[in-house]
N, C-alpha and C. Protein backbone atom coordinates (compact mmCIF):
# COMPACT_ATOMS: atom_id res chain seq x y z
N UNK A 1 0.64 -0.99 -0.17
CA UNK A 1 0.37 0.01 -0.02
C UNK A 1 1.03 1.10 -0.32
N UNK A 2 1.98 1.35 0.92
CA UNK A 2 2.59 2.37 0.72
C UNK A 2 3.82 2.96 -0.11
N UNK A 3 4.38 1.63 -0.96
CA UNK A 3 5.09 1.57 -2.09
C UNK A 3 3.81 2.41 -3.38
N UNK A 4 2.91 1.43 -3.34
CA UNK A 4 1.81 1.99 -4.46
C UNK A 4 1.54 3.48 -4.16
N UNK A 5 1.18 4.09 -3.11
CA UNK A 5 0.68 5.25 -3.07
C UNK A 5 1.73 6.66 -3.18
N UNK A 6 2.95 5.89 -2.79
CA UNK A 6 4.17 6.54 -2.76
C UNK A 6 4.60 6.96 -4.43
N UNK A 7 4.48 5.53 -5.37
CA UNK A 7 4.56 6.02 -7.02
C UNK A 7 3.63 6.20 -7.57
N UNK A 8 2.59 6.32 -7.09
CA UNK A 8 1.32 6.35 -7.52
C UNK A 8 1.46 7.76 -8.78
N UNK A 9 1.91 8.84 -8.69
CA UNK A 9 1.87 9.88 -9.38
C UNK A 9 2.79 9.34 -10.87
N UNK A 10 4.15 8.67 -10.30
CA UNK A 10 4.82 8.19 -11.52
C UNK A 10 4.22 6.98 -12.35
N UNK A 11 3.43 6.49 -11.63
CA UNK A 11 2.73 4.93 -12.27
C UNK A 11 1.24 5.74 -13.20
N UNK A 12 1.13 6.40 -12.74
CA UNK A 12 -0.09 7.28 -13.92
C UNK A 12 0.18 7.30 -15.33
N UNK A 13 1.62 7.31 -15.91
CA UNK A 13 1.72 7.16 -16.90
C UNK A 13 2.47 5.76 -16.96
N UNK A 14 2.76 4.86 -16.51
CA UNK A 14 3.61 3.50 -16.66
C UNK A 14 2.85 2.74 -15.86
N UNK A 15 3.18 1.26 -15.80
CA UNK A 15 2.78 0.01 -15.60
C UNK A 15 3.66 -0.59 -14.10
N UNK A 16 2.79 -0.89 -13.29
CA UNK A 16 3.70 -1.72 -12.48
C UNK A 16 3.19 -3.19 -12.37
N UNK A 17 3.89 -4.27 -12.38
CA UNK A 17 3.17 -5.89 -12.12
C UNK A 17 4.07 -6.14 -11.10
N UNK A 18 2.95 -6.91 -10.01
CA UNK A 18 3.65 -7.60 -8.88
C UNK A 18 3.53 -8.91 -9.36
N UNK A 19 4.37 -10.01 -8.90
CA UNK A 19 4.77 -11.47 -8.96
C UNK A 19 5.00 -12.37 -8.03
N UNK A 20 3.99 -13.21 -7.81
CA UNK A 20 4.21 -14.04 -6.71
C UNK A 20 3.60 -15.77 -7.03
N UNK A 21 4.61 -16.16 -6.41
CA UNK A 21 4.18 -17.89 -6.61
C UNK A 21 2.75 -18.32 -5.88
N UNK A 22 2.70 -17.61 -4.91
CA UNK A 22 1.14 -17.87 -4.04
C UNK A 22 0.38 -17.17 -4.28
N UNK A 23 -0.78 -17.53 -5.07
CA UNK A 23 -2.24 -16.68 -5.53
C UNK A 23 -2.65 -15.88 -4.38
N UNK A 24 -2.65 -16.62 -3.02
CA UNK A 24 -3.26 -15.91 -1.88
C UNK A 24 -2.01 -14.58 -1.62
N UNK A 25 -1.18 -14.45 -1.89
CA UNK A 25 -0.27 -13.08 -1.95
C UNK A 25 -1.00 -11.88 -2.96
N UNK A 26 -0.72 -12.70 -3.85
CA UNK A 26 -1.58 -11.88 -4.93
C UNK A 26 -3.04 -10.98 -4.80
N UNK A 27 -3.80 -12.16 -3.83
CA UNK A 27 -5.24 -11.44 -3.67
C UNK A 27 -4.97 -10.59 -2.69
N UNK A 28 -3.88 -10.38 -1.50
CA UNK A 28 -3.54 -9.61 -0.80
C UNK A 28 -3.09 -8.52 -0.98
N UNK A 29 -1.64 -8.60 -2.17
CA UNK A 29 -1.39 -7.37 -3.23
C UNK A 29 -2.60 -6.92 -3.47
N UNK A 30 -3.66 -7.02 -3.99
CA UNK A 30 -4.75 -6.52 -4.77
C UNK A 30 -5.61 -5.82 -3.93
N UNK A 31 -5.86 -6.31 -2.73
CA UNK A 31 -6.38 -5.67 -2.00
C UNK A 31 -5.79 -4.39 -1.28
N UNK A 32 -4.66 -4.65 -0.92
CA UNK A 32 -3.71 -3.49 -0.13
C UNK A 32 -3.51 -2.27 -1.59
N UNK A 33 -3.44 -2.75 -2.71
CA UNK A 33 -3.10 -1.68 -3.90
C UNK A 33 -4.44 -1.43 -4.89
N UNK A 34 -5.19 -1.22 -4.21
CA UNK A 34 -6.89 -1.06 -4.72
C UNK A 34 -6.85 0.45 -5.45
N UNK A 35 -6.37 1.29 -5.18
CA UNK A 35 -6.19 2.49 -5.49
C UNK A 35 -4.98 2.66 -6.92
N UNK A 36 -4.33 1.56 -7.00
CA UNK A 36 -3.31 1.51 -8.03
C UNK A 36 -3.37 0.52 -8.93
N UNK A 37 -4.80 -0.05 -8.59
CA UNK A 37 -5.25 -1.20 -9.54
C UNK A 37 -5.26 -0.89 -11.21
N UNK A 38 -5.50 0.41 -11.42
CA UNK A 38 -5.52 0.93 -12.96
C UNK A 38 -4.53 0.72 -13.73
N UNK A 39 -3.09 0.78 -13.15
CA UNK A 39 -1.95 0.71 -13.85
C UNK A 39 -0.99 -0.65 -13.16
N UNK A 40 -1.44 -1.56 -12.66
CA UNK A 40 -1.04 -2.40 -11.88
C UNK A 40 -1.31 -3.90 -12.68
N UNK A 41 -0.63 -5.00 -12.82
CA UNK A 41 -1.19 -6.21 -13.25
C UNK A 41 -0.56 -7.20 -11.92
N UNK A 42 -1.32 -8.18 -11.67
CA UNK A 42 -1.15 -8.80 -10.55
C UNK A 42 -1.11 -10.61 -11.25
N UNK A 43 0.18 -11.04 -11.01
CA UNK A 43 0.56 -12.78 -11.62
C UNK A 43 0.97 -13.29 -10.83
N UNK A 44 0.46 -14.42 -10.48
CA UNK A 44 0.52 -15.57 -9.68
C UNK A 44 1.34 -16.66 -10.45
N UNK A 45 2.85 -16.58 -10.57
CA UNK A 45 3.38 -17.51 -11.83
C UNK A 45 5.06 -17.49 -10.50
N UNK A 46 5.64 -18.32 -11.04
CA UNK A 46 6.98 -18.27 -10.34
C UNK A 46 7.62 -17.29 -11.21
N UNK A 47 8.72 -16.77 -10.25
CA UNK A 47 9.71 -15.57 -10.98
C UNK A 47 10.26 -15.82 -11.80
N UNK A 48 11.09 -16.95 -12.02
CA UNK A 48 12.07 -17.33 -13.06
C UNK A 48 11.16 -17.65 -14.53
N UNK A 49 9.62 -17.97 -13.99
CA UNK A 49 9.07 -18.47 -15.35
C UNK A 49 8.14 -17.04 -16.31
N UNK A 50 7.79 -16.02 -15.05
CA UNK A 50 7.40 -15.07 -15.65
C UNK A 50 8.35 -14.30 -16.58
N UNK A 51 10.00 -14.20 -15.63
CA UNK A 51 10.81 -13.64 -16.55
C UNK A 51 11.46 -14.48 -17.98
N UNK A 52 11.36 -15.83 -18.33
CA UNK A 52 11.37 -16.36 -19.15
C UNK A 52 10.51 -16.12 -20.46
N UNK A 53 9.33 -15.26 -19.79
CA UNK A 53 8.38 -15.30 -20.71
C UNK A 53 8.29 -13.98 -20.94
N UNK A 54 8.19 -12.86 -20.34
CA UNK A 54 8.32 -11.36 -20.06
C UNK A 54 8.39 -11.33 -21.72
N UNK A 55 7.68 -10.44 -22.26
CA UNK A 55 7.38 -9.91 -23.39
C UNK A 55 8.03 -8.44 -23.69
N UNK A 56 9.38 -8.37 -23.75
CA UNK A 56 10.04 -6.92 -24.15
C UNK A 56 9.51 -6.26 -25.20
N UNK A 57 9.37 -6.93 -26.04
CA UNK A 57 8.96 -6.19 -27.37
C UNK A 57 7.44 -5.34 -27.58
N UNK A 58 6.45 -5.99 -26.56
CA UNK A 58 5.32 -5.20 -26.53
C UNK A 58 5.54 -4.73 -24.96
N UNK A 59 6.20 -4.98 -23.76
CA UNK A 59 6.09 -4.01 -22.20
C UNK A 59 7.42 -3.27 -22.44
N UNK A 60 8.31 -3.63 -23.08
CA UNK A 60 9.54 -2.95 -23.12
C UNK A 60 10.71 -3.23 -21.81
N UNK A 61 11.63 -3.06 -21.93
CA UNK A 61 12.50 -3.04 -20.55
C UNK A 61 12.29 -3.00 -19.53
N UNK A 62 12.42 -3.26 -18.17
CA UNK A 62 11.88 -2.54 -16.84
C UNK A 62 13.16 -1.53 -16.55
N UNK A 63 12.63 -0.51 -15.77
CA UNK A 63 13.06 0.71 -15.58
C UNK A 63 13.42 0.59 -13.99
N UNK A 64 12.50 -0.38 -13.04
CA UNK A 64 13.13 -0.54 -11.76
C UNK A 64 12.58 -2.34 -11.49
N UNK A 65 13.68 -3.22 -11.03
CA UNK A 65 12.78 -4.05 -10.87
C UNK A 65 12.87 -4.63 -9.01
N UNK A 66 11.97 -4.90 -8.66
CA UNK A 66 12.21 -5.10 -7.06
C UNK A 66 12.01 -6.42 -6.86
N UNK A 67 12.93 -6.93 -6.15
CA UNK A 67 13.24 -8.55 -5.84
C UNK A 67 12.99 -8.41 -4.60
N UNK A 68 11.92 -9.13 -4.16
CA UNK A 68 11.65 -9.42 -2.47
C UNK A 68 11.43 -11.42 -2.47
N UNK A 69 12.41 -11.71 -3.37
CA UNK A 69 11.58 -13.40 -3.73
C UNK A 69 11.96 -14.29 -2.57
N UNK A 70 11.33 -15.31 -2.04
CA UNK A 70 11.56 -16.14 -1.31
C UNK A 70 11.59 -16.18 0.26
N UNK A 71 11.90 -16.85 0.86
CA UNK A 71 11.73 -17.10 2.46
C UNK A 71 13.71 -16.72 2.89
N UNK A 72 13.39 -16.61 4.00
CA UNK A 72 14.88 -15.98 5.14
C UNK A 72 15.40 -17.34 5.15
N UNK A 73 14.59 -18.39 5.25
CA UNK A 73 15.24 -19.87 5.56
C UNK A 73 14.31 -20.60 5.21
N UNK A 74 15.10 -21.62 4.63
CA UNK A 74 16.60 -21.95 4.51
C UNK A 74 16.77 -21.36 3.31
N UNK A 75 18.02 -20.60 3.90
CA UNK A 75 18.58 -19.09 2.56
C UNK A 75 19.00 -19.85 1.37
N UNK A 76 19.59 -21.11 1.66
CA UNK A 76 20.34 -21.33 0.42
C UNK A 76 19.58 -21.67 -0.53
N UNK A 77 18.09 -22.31 -0.40
CA UNK A 77 17.15 -22.50 -1.31
C UNK A 77 16.85 -21.05 -1.87
N UNK A 78 16.67 -20.03 -1.62
CA UNK A 78 16.19 -18.93 -1.75
C UNK A 78 17.55 -18.41 -2.45
N UNK A 79 18.71 -18.20 -2.08
CA UNK A 79 20.14 -17.63 -2.73
C UNK A 79 20.04 -18.54 -4.18
N UNK A 80 19.54 -19.75 -4.55
CA UNK A 80 19.76 -20.41 -5.54
C UNK A 80 18.78 -19.72 -6.37
N UNK A 81 17.38 -19.45 -5.81
CA UNK A 81 16.51 -18.94 -7.07
C UNK A 81 17.04 -17.48 -7.08
N UNK A 82 17.07 -16.97 -6.28
CA UNK A 82 17.77 -15.70 -6.46
C UNK A 82 19.14 -15.56 -8.00
N UNK A 83 19.78 -16.42 -7.69
CA UNK A 83 21.06 -16.38 -8.68
C UNK A 83 20.35 -17.01 -9.93
N UNK A 84 19.33 -17.78 -10.09
CA UNK A 84 18.49 -17.86 -10.97
C UNK A 84 17.96 -16.78 -11.50
N UNK A 85 16.92 -16.36 -11.13
CA UNK A 85 16.57 -14.73 -11.55
C UNK A 85 17.36 -14.01 -12.09
N UNK A 86 18.42 -13.79 -11.57
CA UNK A 86 19.54 -12.89 -12.10
C UNK A 86 20.06 -13.56 -13.63
N UNK A 87 20.57 -14.62 -13.58
CA UNK A 87 20.93 -15.06 -14.60
C UNK A 87 20.15 -14.67 -15.94
N UNK A 88 18.78 -15.24 -15.86
CA UNK A 88 17.43 -14.70 -16.67
C UNK A 88 17.26 -13.45 -16.98
N UNK A 89 17.28 -12.55 -15.84
CA UNK A 89 17.31 -11.03 -16.08
C UNK A 89 18.45 -10.31 -17.10
N UNK A 90 19.54 -10.85 -16.69
CA UNK A 90 20.83 -11.07 -17.18
C UNK A 90 20.89 -11.29 -18.97
N UNK A 91 20.93 -12.04 -18.72
CA UNK A 91 20.80 -13.15 -20.45
C UNK A 91 19.75 -12.57 -21.02
N UNK A 92 18.46 -12.04 -20.80
CA UNK A 92 17.42 -11.69 -21.74
C UNK A 92 17.56 -9.95 -21.52
N UNK A 93 18.49 -9.87 -21.38
CA UNK A 93 18.53 -8.31 -21.22
C UNK A 93 17.03 -7.51 -20.37
N UNK A 94 16.89 -7.85 -19.57
CA UNK A 94 15.29 -7.41 -19.15
C UNK A 94 15.46 -6.11 -18.48
N UNK A 95 16.54 -5.82 -17.70
CA UNK A 95 16.52 -3.91 -16.96
C UNK A 95 17.23 -3.38 -18.38
N UNK A 96 16.46 -2.08 -18.34
CA UNK A 96 17.07 -1.14 -18.89
C UNK A 96 18.41 -0.80 -18.83
N UNK A 97 19.04 -0.32 -19.84
CA UNK A 97 20.26 0.67 -19.35
C UNK A 97 19.86 1.39 -18.89
N UNK A 98 20.66 1.47 -17.48
CA UNK A 98 20.33 2.99 -16.64
C UNK A 98 19.36 2.72 -15.82
N UNK A 99 18.81 1.41 -15.80
CA UNK A 99 17.77 1.05 -14.63
C UNK A 99 18.38 0.33 -14.09
N UNK A 100 17.33 0.01 -12.70
CA UNK A 100 17.61 -0.41 -11.46
C UNK A 100 17.00 -1.52 -11.03
N UNK A 101 17.84 -2.54 -10.09
CA UNK A 101 17.08 -3.87 -9.59
C UNK A 101 17.25 -2.89 -7.87
N UNK A 102 16.04 -3.40 -7.44
CA UNK A 102 16.34 -3.28 -5.75
C UNK A 102 16.10 -4.73 -5.20
N UNK A 103 16.92 -4.75 -4.32
CA UNK A 103 16.82 -6.27 -3.77
C UNK A 103 16.56 -6.23 -2.11
N UNK A 104 15.75 -6.95 -1.53
CA UNK A 104 15.06 -6.81 -0.17
C UNK A 104 15.64 -7.59 0.82
N UNK A 105 15.75 -7.00 1.64
CA UNK A 105 16.30 -7.94 3.26
C UNK A 105 17.74 -8.89 2.61
N UNK A 106 18.47 -8.28 2.34
CA UNK A 106 19.85 -8.21 1.73
C UNK A 106 20.77 -8.72 3.33
N UNK A 107 20.27 -7.69 4.31
CA UNK A 107 21.05 -7.97 5.48
C UNK A 107 20.31 -8.17 6.80
N UNK A 108 19.03 -8.77 6.45
CA UNK A 108 18.25 -9.60 7.21
C UNK A 108 19.03 -10.56 8.16
N UNK A 109 19.08 -10.41 9.48
CA UNK A 109 19.78 -11.47 10.43
C UNK A 109 19.32 -12.61 10.57
N UNK A 110 18.07 -12.95 9.49
CA UNK A 110 17.44 -14.85 9.90
C UNK A 110 17.81 -15.84 9.62
N UNK A 111 18.73 -15.34 8.36
CA UNK A 111 20.04 -16.54 8.20
C UNK A 111 21.06 -17.12 9.25
N UNK A 112 21.54 -15.83 9.84
CA UNK A 112 22.69 -16.02 10.50
C UNK A 112 22.16 -16.60 11.96
N UNK A 113 20.86 -16.34 12.45
CA UNK A 113 20.12 -17.02 13.41
C UNK A 113 19.94 -18.55 12.98
N UNK A 114 19.76 -18.81 12.10
CA UNK A 114 19.82 -20.58 11.47
C UNK A 114 20.62 -21.24 10.59
N UNK A 115 22.30 -20.66 10.96
CA UNK A 115 23.09 -21.27 10.79
C UNK A 115 23.94 -20.92 9.42
N UNK A 116 23.62 -19.55 8.84
CA UNK A 116 24.28 -19.17 7.73
C UNK A 116 25.83 -18.67 8.00
N UNK A 117 26.88 -18.89 7.22
CA UNK A 117 28.08 -18.64 7.50
C UNK A 117 28.66 -17.32 8.12
N UNK A 118 29.34 -17.48 8.99
CA UNK A 118 29.95 -16.04 9.38
C UNK A 118 30.51 -15.10 8.26
N UNK A 119 30.23 -13.89 7.93
CA UNK A 119 31.44 -13.07 6.49
C UNK A 119 30.00 -12.82 5.83
N UNK A 120 29.28 -13.84 5.60
CA UNK A 120 28.22 -13.29 4.44
C UNK A 120 27.02 -12.57 5.37
N UNK A 121 27.33 -11.35 4.38
CA UNK A 121 26.30 -10.19 4.68
C UNK A 121 25.23 -10.43 3.73
N UNK A 122 25.08 -11.18 2.97
CA UNK A 122 24.09 -10.93 1.74
C UNK A 122 22.95 -11.89 1.66
N UNK A 123 22.84 -12.95 2.49
CA UNK A 123 21.71 -13.66 2.88
C UNK A 123 21.42 -14.09 1.82
N UNK A 124 20.18 -13.98 1.29
CA UNK A 124 19.52 -14.65 0.35
C UNK A 124 20.03 -14.18 -0.87
N UNK A 125 20.22 -12.70 -1.21
CA UNK A 125 21.23 -12.46 -1.96
C UNK A 125 22.48 -12.75 -2.25
N UNK A 126 22.93 -13.49 -1.74
CA UNK A 126 24.52 -13.87 -1.77
C UNK A 126 25.46 -14.15 -2.77
N UNK A 127 24.58 -15.19 -3.88
CA UNK A 127 24.84 -15.32 -5.47
C UNK A 127 24.57 -14.16 -6.61
N UNK A 128 23.42 -13.60 -6.03
CA UNK A 128 22.88 -12.80 -7.37
C UNK A 128 23.81 -11.66 -7.09
N UNK A 129 23.87 -10.72 -6.35
CA UNK A 129 24.79 -9.45 -5.91
C UNK A 129 25.62 -9.47 -7.02
N UNK A 130 26.75 -10.72 -6.53
CA UNK A 130 27.63 -10.99 -7.09
C UNK A 130 27.59 -10.96 -8.53
N UNK A 131 27.01 -12.15 -8.97
CA UNK A 131 26.68 -11.95 -10.33
C UNK A 131 26.39 -11.21 -11.09
N UNK A 132 25.23 -10.53 -10.43
CA UNK A 132 24.61 -9.28 -11.34
C UNK A 132 25.97 -8.01 -11.52
N UNK A 133 27.07 -7.79 -10.15
CA UNK A 133 28.38 -6.98 -10.48
C UNK A 133 29.19 -7.36 -11.18
N UNK A 134 29.39 -8.60 -12.14
CA UNK A 134 29.83 -9.29 -12.87
C UNK A 134 29.28 -9.06 -14.12
N UNK A 135 28.17 -8.68 -14.43
CA UNK A 135 27.95 -8.75 -15.56
C UNK A 135 26.37 -7.10 -15.70
N UNK A 136 27.23 -6.23 -15.29
CA UNK A 136 27.18 -4.74 -16.44
C UNK A 136 26.19 -3.98 -15.28
N UNK A 137 26.30 -4.84 -13.90
CA UNK A 137 25.56 -3.50 -13.01
C UNK A 137 26.63 -3.30 -11.98
N UNK A 138 26.14 -2.11 -11.57
CA UNK A 138 27.27 -1.35 -10.30
C UNK A 138 26.13 -0.98 -9.09
N UNK A 139 26.91 -1.14 -8.03
CA UNK A 139 26.43 -0.66 -6.48
C UNK A 139 25.81 0.57 -6.66
N UNK A 140 24.69 0.87 -6.36
CA UNK A 140 24.30 2.55 -5.89
C UNK A 140 24.23 2.65 -4.71
N UNK A 141 23.42 1.57 -3.98
CA UNK A 141 23.59 1.83 -2.66
C UNK A 141 23.64 0.43 -1.73
N UNK A 142 23.96 0.20 -0.84
CA UNK A 142 24.21 -0.61 -0.21
C UNK A 142 23.67 -0.96 1.43
N UNK A 143 22.58 -1.10 1.86
CA UNK A 143 22.12 -1.07 3.39
C UNK A 143 21.36 -2.47 3.70
N UNK A 144 20.30 -1.95 4.01
CA UNK A 144 19.28 -3.27 4.35
C UNK A 144 18.78 -3.85 2.87
N UNK A 145 18.59 -3.24 2.09
CA UNK A 145 18.15 -3.55 0.79
C UNK A 145 19.28 -2.87 0.07
N UNK A 146 19.69 -3.25 -1.44
CA UNK A 146 20.60 -3.59 -2.37
C UNK A 146 20.36 -2.96 -3.69
N UNK A 147 20.80 -1.60 -4.05
CA UNK A 147 20.30 -1.21 -5.53
C UNK A 147 21.44 -1.07 -6.03
N UNK A 148 21.27 -1.76 -7.47
CA UNK A 148 22.04 -1.99 -8.37
C UNK A 148 21.66 -1.18 -9.73
N UNK A 149 22.67 -0.86 -10.35
CA UNK A 149 22.26 -0.22 -11.95
C UNK A 149 22.45 -0.45 -12.87
N UNK A 150 22.25 -0.80 -13.89
CA UNK A 150 22.72 -1.43 -15.24
C UNK A 150 23.16 -0.09 -16.01
N UNK A 151 24.67 -1.10 -15.74
CA UNK A 151 26.02 0.12 -16.35
C UNK A 151 26.83 -0.32 -17.64
N UNK A 152 25.87 -1.38 -18.08
CA UNK A 152 26.62 -2.29 -19.47
C UNK A 152 26.70 -1.62 -20.33
N UNK A 153 25.87 -0.32 -20.75
CA UNK A 153 26.08 0.43 -21.48
C UNK A 153 26.37 1.67 -21.23
N UNK A 154 27.78 2.24 -20.88
CA UNK A 154 28.10 3.54 -20.62
C UNK A 154 27.65 4.92 -20.86
N UNK A 155 27.11 4.48 -22.00
CA UNK A 155 26.58 6.07 -22.69
C UNK A 155 25.27 6.32 -21.95
N UNK A 156 24.24 5.49 -22.21
CA UNK A 156 23.28 5.16 -21.54
C UNK A 156 23.13 5.17 -19.96
N UNK A 157 24.03 4.74 -19.67
CA UNK A 157 24.08 4.68 -17.89
C UNK A 157 24.31 5.75 -17.80
N UNK A 158 25.53 6.80 -18.27
CA UNK A 158 25.46 8.10 -17.99
C UNK A 158 24.14 8.85 -18.26
N UNK A 159 23.33 8.97 -18.92
CA UNK A 159 22.40 9.75 -19.26
C UNK A 159 21.40 9.63 -18.05
N UNK A 160 21.44 8.03 -17.70
CA UNK A 160 20.47 7.83 -16.42
C UNK A 160 21.40 8.07 -15.11
N UNK A 161 22.01 8.55 -14.82
CA UNK A 161 23.07 8.70 -13.56
C UNK A 161 22.25 9.84 -12.98
N UNK A 162 21.72 10.68 -14.01
CA UNK A 162 21.47 11.73 -13.53
C UNK A 162 20.24 11.92 -13.34
N UNK A 163 19.65 12.14 -11.83
CA UNK A 163 18.34 12.40 -11.32
C UNK A 163 17.19 12.64 -12.53
N UNK A 164 16.19 11.92 -12.79
CA UNK A 164 15.15 12.46 -14.08
C UNK A 164 13.80 13.18 -12.90
N UNK A 165 13.47 14.36 -13.15
CA UNK A 165 12.33 14.95 -12.25
C UNK A 165 11.24 14.06 -12.61
N UNK A 166 11.15 13.53 -13.88
CA UNK A 166 9.62 12.56 -14.19
C UNK A 166 9.90 11.64 -15.42
N UNK A 167 9.68 10.69 -15.76
CA UNK A 167 9.47 9.85 -17.09
C UNK A 167 8.08 9.90 -17.30
N UNK A 168 7.99 9.65 -18.36
CA UNK A 168 6.59 9.22 -19.46
C UNK A 168 6.21 7.79 -19.32
N UNK A 169 7.12 7.03 -19.21
CA UNK A 169 6.87 5.56 -19.16
C UNK A 169 7.09 5.00 -18.04
N UNK A 170 7.33 5.23 -16.96
CA UNK A 170 8.06 4.44 -15.53
C UNK A 170 7.27 3.09 -15.10
N UNK A 171 8.14 1.98 -15.65
CA UNK A 171 7.58 0.81 -15.02
C UNK A 171 8.22 0.05 -13.87
N UNK A 172 7.25 -0.06 -13.10
CA UNK A 172 7.81 -1.06 -11.56
C UNK A 172 7.89 -2.35 -11.46
N UNK A 173 8.69 -3.30 -11.86
CA UNK A 173 7.88 -4.67 -11.52
C UNK A 173 8.37 -4.88 -9.93
N UNK A 174 7.55 -5.31 -9.07
CA UNK A 174 7.78 -6.04 -7.66
C UNK A 174 7.39 -7.40 -7.64
N UNK A 175 8.54 -8.09 -7.23
CA UNK A 175 8.30 -9.01 -7.19
C UNK A 175 8.56 -9.97 -5.70
N UNK A 176 7.08 -9.97 -5.25
CA UNK A 176 6.40 -10.54 -3.99
C UNK A 176 6.34 -9.36 -3.21
N UNK A 177 5.28 -8.74 -2.58
CA UNK A 177 4.53 -7.51 -2.31
C UNK A 177 5.09 -7.57 -1.01
N UNK A 178 6.04 -6.61 -0.23
CA UNK A 178 5.96 -5.95 0.69
C UNK A 178 5.89 -5.06 1.53
N UNK A 179 5.63 -4.59 2.60
CA UNK A 179 5.63 -3.03 3.31
C UNK A 179 6.37 -2.56 3.73
N UNK A 180 7.20 -3.48 3.98
CA UNK A 180 9.06 -3.02 4.77
C UNK A 180 10.00 -1.75 3.86
N UNK A 181 9.48 -1.49 2.70
CA UNK A 181 10.50 -1.02 1.67
C UNK A 181 10.17 0.61 1.21
N UNK A 182 9.18 1.19 2.26
CA UNK A 182 8.97 2.53 1.75
C UNK A 182 10.38 3.43 2.00
N UNK A 183 10.91 3.19 2.22
CA UNK A 183 12.48 4.55 2.62
C UNK A 183 13.03 3.90 1.04
N UNK A 184 13.58 2.89 0.87
CA UNK A 184 13.80 2.47 -0.75
C UNK A 184 13.42 2.78 -2.11
N UNK A 185 11.64 2.52 -1.99
CA UNK A 185 11.60 2.85 -3.40
C UNK A 185 11.10 4.37 -3.17
N UNK A 186 11.49 5.17 -2.25
CA UNK A 186 10.97 6.42 -2.24
C UNK A 186 12.61 6.92 -2.84
N UNK A 187 13.59 6.41 -2.46
CA UNK A 187 15.15 6.98 -3.19
C UNK A 187 15.05 6.56 -3.97
N UNK A 188 14.66 5.45 -4.80
CA UNK A 188 14.23 4.73 -6.54
C UNK A 188 13.66 6.03 -7.24
N UNK A 189 12.51 6.03 -6.83
CA UNK A 189 11.47 7.15 -7.23
C UNK A 189 12.10 8.17 -7.46
N UNK A 190 12.68 8.94 -6.38
CA UNK A 190 13.40 10.44 -6.22
C UNK A 190 14.78 10.23 -7.00
N UNK A 191 15.55 9.03 -7.48
CA UNK A 191 16.32 8.73 -8.59
C UNK A 191 16.19 9.27 -10.07
N UNK A 192 15.14 8.59 -10.11
CA UNK A 192 14.63 8.21 -11.50
C UNK A 192 14.12 9.49 -12.05
C-alpha cells in the first residue's frame, strides 16, 4: 500500500506488475493496492517463469525491478532462486540500461540465526549480487536493501545517472509484495 501510494504519480503514466508464486499473496496485494489497480497487473507465477516469458517487444525493458523473492530460511534455497532470477534477467536483457534492481532483505539477520556462515552479509542475495556486479550492474546503494544500476552501456548509463524529475513511461516490477521498503522505494523514485 505504501509503495503504491508513493509511486502513484509516476505510475499514472506507466505500469507496475507484481508477481508471486502464491495466489493468496497476489490476492492480498490486490486488496492492499486498490488505488493503483488501474496501472497494476497481478501475476501468480514463479518469478523465473515470469522472466523467461516476459515480452520486452510488447512491454519494453524494466526501469525498476524490485526483488523480494523467497524465504529467509533455509537461505540456500532462496539464494539459488535469486541467482536463477539474476541469470535470466541478465541473459534476456530485461532491465533497461540505466535501470535499477532493488533487492530486499539483503542484510536480514534471520539466516545467521539459522546457521548461515559468518562473514556472509548478503543472505538470500549472496549469489545474485555478485553475479549482477560481474554482468554489467554497479552498486548504487548498499544497506538493508541493495540497489544496483544496469551500467552495461556506458553512454546510456551516464544519461540515467542524472536523476530525472519525471518519466513518461515508468515501469515497476515488484516481485513478492512487501510493506517494509517505503524508504528504498522513495529513494529509487527520487533517483529516476
